[in-house]
């Protein structure tokens, strides 16, 4: 069987490429695309600024941030939470005052109904014939309203201000006081941030010259070059960045920090969330999806 071209319109086969192109042009269906290396941050870049970190810190979940950026984010979120809490307290106070007014009005209406019932009680007997005659005279005189007169008071027009529906304020929920990590969505605190110390490949280079190089940092123990394709970990006591291979083969045997000599536990070894390489064997998620409407028969 001959090979079909991507845009061959003379063939009787509706190729996968043609179907994918038509789906993208139609505006329907979920679209998926594989991201390249330029669309993903490097392992030593901040998750907020997407720039190489000058003073890096890491969360217990392994996400790297610039210290100034993450502190500004936490302070901003705390201010927003304080604003939401004040709005919630105002709404709660308004609901409390409105409920008090409603209770007072209900009590006032109860008193008025009681007074009306008490005033309607007659102590002397009434001649029924006199009351019927009076009622007939009222009907003849036209004092009793006709159905047309009562219906004239109703206002069926929706554009009249008195009949316009009122928009009720949105009910606010009590906001959570916890600041969430922008990447993992877990609660984050300032005192839980761990200072990270990268070992430069050439200590004699300054920061500008170091950032222009492709290979910038090495493992703090084995001196292997670090890259996006190499899994890394951070040791909590010293903040040293080492390769995951070094952790499995050397550090986990003694469970001791090779820089400070402190004893380590499993939670002291934090896997560093690395960036993507753009290759299929990277091991990180490099696909992006866009959900769009779906046509159903």
Protein backbone atom coordinates (compact mmCIF):
# COMPACT_ATOMS: atom_id res chain seq x y z
CA UNK A 1 0.00 0.00 0.00
CA UNK A 2 1.36 3.41 -0.95
CA UNK A 3 2.03 6.05 1.66
CA UNK A 4 -0.49 8.90 1.89
CA UNK A 5 0.59 12.50 1.96
CA UNK A 6 -0.47 14.78 4.80
CA UNK A 7 -2.58 17.03 2.61
CA UNK A 8 -3.40 14.63 -0.18
CA UNK A 9 -6.96 15.36 -1.30
CA UNK A 10 -7.05 12.84 -4.13
CA UNK A 11 -6.98 9.77 -1.87
CA UNK A 12 -10.04 7.97 -0.60
CA UNK A 13 -8.65 7.74 2.95
CA UNK A 14 -9.43 10.44 5.53
CA UNK A 15 -6.02 10.63 7.20
CA UNK A 16 -5.32 11.33 10.85
CA UNK A 17 -3.53 14.57 9.96
CA UNK A 18 -6.53 15.84 8.00
CA UNK A 19 -8.91 14.92 10.81
CA UNK A 20 -6.71 16.69 13.39
CA UNK A 21 -6.43 19.80 11.21
CA UNK A 22 -10.18 19.93 10.63
CA UNK A 23 -10.86 19.49 14.35
CA UNK A 24 -8.55 22.39 15.20
CA UNK A 25 -10.20 24.60 12.59
CA UNK A 26 -13.76 23.73 13.67
CA UNK A 27 -13.41 25.14 17.20
CA UNK A 28 -14.88 22.02 18.84
CA UNK A 29 -13.34 19.19 20.82
CA UNK A 30 -10.51 19.12 23.36
CA UNK A 31 -7.18 20.12 21.85
CA UNK A 32 -3.88 18.67 23.12
CA UNK A 33 -0.37 19.76 22.28
CA UNK A 34 3.09 18.76 23.45
CA UNK A 35 5.15 21.55 24.91
CA UNK A 36 8.71 22.18 23.90
CA UNK A 37 11.71 23.05 26.05
CA UNK A 38 11.21 26.78 25.56
CA UNK A 39 7.75 26.61 27.13
CA UNK A 40 8.90 25.04 30.42
CA UNK A 41 11.06 26.52 33.15
CA UNK A 42 14.44 25.08 34.10
CA UNK A 43 14.99 23.22 37.37
CA UNK A 44 16.80 26.22 38.95
CA UNK A 45 14.15 28.82 38.01
CA UNK A 46 11.48 30.29 40.26
CA UNK A 47 7.97 28.94 39.80
CA UNK A 48 6.55 32.49 40.01
CA UNK A 49 9.00 34.68 38.10
CA UNK A 50 10.27 31.86 35.80
CA UNK A 51 13.75 33.38 36.11
CA UNK A 52 16.95 31.83 37.58
CA UNK A 53 16.86 32.16 41.36
CA UNK A 54 19.33 34.45 43.11
CA UNK A 55 18.20 33.56 46.64
CA UNK A 56 16.34 30.25 46.17
CA UNK A 57 14.08 28.61 48.73
CA UNK A 58 12.09 25.39 48.48
CA UNK A 59 8.79 24.26 49.95
CA UNK A 60 8.32 20.86 51.64
CA UNK A 61 6.61 19.72 48.42
CA UNK A 62 9.75 20.41 46.36
CA UNK A 63 8.76 23.61 44.49
CA UNK A 64 11.53 26.16 44.04
CA UNK A 65 10.89 29.88 44.51
CA UNK A 66 12.82 33.11 44.66
CA UNK A 67 12.71 34.17 48.31
CA UNK A 68 11.57 37.72 47.59
CA UNK A 69 8.89 36.56 45.15
CA UNK A 70 7.34 33.95 47.44
CA UNK A 71 7.42 36.28 50.48
CA UNK A 72 5.66 39.00 48.49
CA UNK A 73 3.11 36.41 47.37
CA UNK A 74 2.44 35.26 50.95
CA UNK A 75 2.05 38.85 52.21
CA UNK A 76 -0.29 39.69 49.32
CA UNK A 77 -2.43 36.63 50.03
CA UNK A 78 -2.61 37.51 53.73
CA UNK A 79 -3.83 41.02 52.86
CA UNK A 80 -6.47 39.56 50.53
CA UNK A 81 -7.61 37.12 53.23
CA UNK A 82 -7.87 40.01 55.72
CA UNK A 83 -10.05 41.96 53.24
CA UNK A 84 -12.31 38.95 52.66
CA UNK A 85 -12.59 38.37 56.41
CA UNK A 86 -13.64 42.00 56.98
CA UNK A 87 -16.26 41.72 54.22
CA UNK A 88 -17.55 38.50 55.77
CA UNK A 89 -17.77 40.11 59.21
CA UNK A 90 -19.69 43.08 57.75
CA UNK A 91 -22.11 40.71 56.03
CA UNK A 92 -22.55 38.73 59.26
CA UNK A 93 -23.26 41.92 61.22
CA UNK A 94 -25.75 43.11 58.58
CA UNK A 95 -27.57 39.78 58.67
CA UNK A 96 -27.72 39.94 62.46
CA UNK A 97 -29.16 43.47 62.44
CA UNK A 98 -31.69 42.58 59.71
CA UNK A 99 -32.82 39.52 61.67
CA UNK A 100 -33.31 41.73 64.74
CA UNK A 101 -35.38 44.20 62.71
CA UNK A 102 -37.47 41.37 61.27
CA UNK A 103 -38.12 39.97 64.74
CA UNK A 104 -39.17 43.42 65.99
CA UNK A 105 -41.49 43.94 63.00
CA UNK A 106 -43.05 40.50 63.50
CA UNK A 107 -43.65 41.29 67.16
CA UNK A 108 -45.21 44.63 66.20
CA UNK A 109 -47.49 42.91 63.67
CA UNK A 110 -48.55 40.39 66.31
CA UNK A 111 -49.49 43.21 68.66
CA UNK A 112 -51.48 44.97 65.91
CA UNK A 113 -53.35 41.78 65.04
CA UNK A 114 -54.14 41.26 68.71
CA UNK A 115 -55.47 44.82 69.01
CA UNK A 116 -57.58 44.38 65.90
CA UNK A 117 -59.12 41.17 67.20
CA UNK A 118 -59.80 42.77 70.58
CA UNK A 119 -61.49 45.80 69.03
CA UNK A 120 -63.68 43.60 66.84
CA UNK A 121 -65.23 41.93 69.91
CA UNK A 122 -68.75 43.39 70.52
CA UNK A 123 -70.25 43.20 74.01
CA UNK A 124 -73.88 44.10 72.99
CA UNK A 125 -76.00 42.03 70.59
CA UNK A 126 -76.53 43.53 67.19
CA UNK A 127 -79.80 43.42 65.29
CA UNK A 128 -79.00 41.29 62.25
CA UNK A 129 -81.69 42.93 60.14
CA UNK A 130 -80.21 46.38 60.72
CA UNK A 131 -76.74 45.26 59.68
CA UNK A 132 -78.03 43.59 56.50
CA UNK A 133 -80.00 46.72 55.58
CA UNK A 134 -76.94 48.86 56.09
CA UNK A 135 -74.89 46.52 53.96
CA UNK A 136 -77.46 46.68 51.16
CA UNK A 137 -77.48 50.48 51.33
CA UNK A 138 -73.69 50.51 51.06
CA UNK A 139 -73.84 48.24 48.03
CA UNK A 140 -76.47 50.45 46.35
CA UNK A 141 -74.50 53.61 47.06
CA UNK A 142 -71.39 52.01 45.53
CA UNK A 143 -69.26 52.29 48.61
CA UNK A 144 -68.18 48.65 48.27
CA UNK A 145 -65.43 48.48 45.67
CA UNK A 146 -66.16 46.71 42.42
CA UNK A 147 -63.77 44.13 40.96
CA UNK A 148 -62.68 46.65 38.34
CA UNK A 149 -61.69 49.17 41.01
CA UNK A 150 -59.64 46.63 42.97
CA UNK A 151 -57.88 45.40 39.88
CA UNK A 152 -56.90 48.95 38.99
CA UNK A 153 -54.58 49.02 42.00
CA UNK A 154 -52.54 46.05 40.71
CA UNK A 155 -49.52 46.93 38.62
CA UNK A 156 -48.71 44.09 36.26
CA UNK A 157 -46.09 46.10 34.32
CA UNK A 158 -42.64 44.78 35.14
CA UNK A 159 -40.89 48.04 34.21
CA UNK A 160 -42.55 49.97 37.03
CA UNK A 161 -39.94 50.62 39.77
CA UNK A 162 -42.15 49.26 42.51
CA UNK A 163 -42.40 45.90 40.72
CA UNK A 164 -38.78 45.67 39.60
CA UNK A 165 -37.04 42.68 41.22
CA UNK A 166 -34.25 43.60 43.57
CA UNK A 167 -30.80 42.01 43.28
CA UNK A 168 -29.82 40.49 46.58
CA UNK A 169 -26.18 40.68 47.66
CA UNK A 170 -24.02 37.63 47.12
CA UNK A 171 -23.67 35.49 50.20
CA UNK A 172 -19.99 35.35 51.15
CA UNK A 173 -18.50 32.23 52.67
CA UNK A 174 -16.08 32.40 55.56
CA UNK A 175 -12.60 32.56 53.97
CA UNK A 176 -9.83 30.23 55.00
CA UNK A 177 -6.91 31.85 56.80
CA UNK A 178 -4.36 29.45 55.29
CA UNK A 179 -2.14 30.72 52.45
CA UNK A 180 -1.94 28.10 49.68
CA UNK A 181 1.08 27.32 47.54
CA UNK A 182 0.49 28.54 43.95
CA UNK A 183 1.84 25.28 42.52
CA UNK A 184 0.76 22.45 44.83
CA UNK A 185 -2.31 24.10 46.42
CA UNK A 186 -1.16 23.01 49.90
CA UNK A 187 -0.89 25.41 52.88
CA UNK A 188 2.43 27.24 52.92
CA UNK A 189 4.13 29.15 55.76
CA UNK A 190 7.20 31.37 55.89
CA UNK A 191 8.93 29.29 58.54
CA UNK A 192 8.60 26.15 56.40
CA UNK A 193 10.67 27.55 53.51
CA UNK A 194 14.11 25.92 53.23
CA UNK A 195 17.11 27.80 51.87
CA UNK A 196 18.63 26.05 48.83
CA UNK A 197 22.36 26.13 48.07
CA UNK A 198 23.35 25.23 44.53
CA UNK A 199 26.99 24.25 43.90
CA UNK A 200 28.22 26.24 40.85
CA UNK A 201 30.16 24.45 38.14
CA UNK A 202 32.89 27.08 38.19
CA UNK A 203 33.09 29.06 41.45
CA UNK A 204 35.29 31.70 39.83
CA UNK A 205 32.47 32.91 37.55
CA UNK A 206 30.20 35.72 38.66
CA UNK A 207 26.40 35.48 38.51
CA UNK A 208 26.00 37.05 35.05
CA UNK A 209 28.64 34.80 33.49
CA UNK A 210 27.16 31.78 35.28
CA UNK A 211 23.65 32.38 33.94
CA UNK A 212 24.89 32.57 30.35
CA UNK A 213 26.21 29.01 30.53
CA UNK A 214 24.13 25.97 29.62
CA UNK A 215 25.53 23.87 32.50
CA UNK A 216 25.53 26.01 35.64
CA UNK A 217 25.41 23.76 38.70
CA UNK A 218 26.75 20.39 39.82
CA UNK A 219 25.87 17.88 42.52
CA UNK A 220 27.22 18.90 45.93
CA UNK A 221 28.68 15.41 46.52
CA UNK A 222 29.47 13.65 43.23
CA UNK A 223 30.09 16.81 41.14
CA UNK A 224 27.80 15.55 38.38
CA UNK A 225 26.32 18.26 36.17
CA UNK A 226 22.68 19.08 37.00
CA UNK A 227 20.07 19.47 34.27
CA UNK A 228 16.31 19.15 33.73
CA UNK A 229 16.67 15.52 32.71
CA UNK A 230 18.45 14.56 35.98
CA UNK A 231 16.28 14.02 39.08
CA UNK A 232 17.60 16.05 42.03
CA UNK A 233 16.88 16.34 45.74
CA UNK A 234 17.51 18.91 48.46
CA UNK A 235 18.88 17.96 51.89
CA UNK A 236 16.95 19.87 54.55
CA UNK A 237 19.75 20.47 57.15
CA UNK A 238 22.27 22.00 54.73
CA UNK A 239 20.08 22.90 51.72
CA UNK A 240 22.58 21.20 49.39
CA UNK A 241 21.28 20.04 46.01
CA UNK A 242 22.35 16.51 45.09
CA UNK A 243 21.28 14.05 42.42
CA UNK A 244 18.70 11.39 43.20
CA UNK A 245 21.25 8.76 42.20
CA UNK A 246 23.61 10.07 44.89
CA UNK A 247 20.76 9.86 47.43
CA UNK A 248 19.98 6.24 46.58
CA UNK A 249 23.56 4.99 46.37
CA UNK A 250 25.40 7.03 49.01
CA UNK A 251 23.28 9.11 51.37
CA UNK A 252 20.58 6.53 52.21
CA UNK A 253 23.19 4.04 53.38
CA UNK A 254 24.19 6.14 56.40
CA UNK A 255 21.24 8.61 56.41
CA UNK A 256 23.66 11.44 57.17
CA UNK A 257 24.08 14.83 55.56
CA UNK A 258 27.55 14.77 53.91
CA UNK A 259 27.94 18.56 54.34
CA UNK A 260 26.88 19.15 57.95
CA UNK A 261 27.03 15.60 59.32
CA UNK A 262 23.47 15.74 60.71
CA UNK A 263 21.25 12.69 60.83
CA UNK A 264 18.62 12.55 58.12
CA UNK A 265 15.12 11.16 57.97
CA UNK A 266 12.92 10.47 54.97
CA UNK A 267 11.22 13.86 55.23
CA UNK A 268 14.65 15.59 55.22
CA UNK A 269 15.24 14.46 51.63
CA UNK A 270 13.01 16.65 49.45
CA UNK A 271 12.75 15.75 45.73
CA UNK A 272 13.20 18.86 43.61
CA UNK A 273 10.41 19.44 41.09
CA UNK A 274 12.32 19.71 37.83
CA UNK A 275 11.42 21.27 34.53
CA UNK A 276 10.85 19.54 31.23
CA UNK A 277 13.35 18.78 28.49
CA UNK A 278 10.99 18.56 25.53
CA UNK A 279 11.90 14.93 24.83
CA UNK A 280 9.63 11.90 25.19
CA UNK A 281 11.91 10.23 27.74
CA UNK A 282 11.95 13.20 30.13
CA UNK A 283 9.58 11.68 32.65
CA UNK A 284 7.64 14.90 33.35
CA UNK A 285 4.28 15.97 31.98
CA UNK A 286 4.86 18.04 28.87
CA UNK A 287 1.36 17.96 27.40
CA UNK A 288 -1.17 20.78 27.58
CA UNK A 289 -4.90 20.47 26.93
CA UNK A 290 -7.59 23.01 26.13
CA UNK A 291 -11.18 21.99 26.79
CA UNK A 292 -13.61 23.27 24.16
CA UNK A 293 -17.29 22.56 23.42
CA UNK A 294 -18.14 19.13 22.00
CA UNK A 295 -20.77 18.54 19.35
CA UNK A 296 -23.05 15.62 20.29
CA UNK A 297 -25.50 13.91 17.99
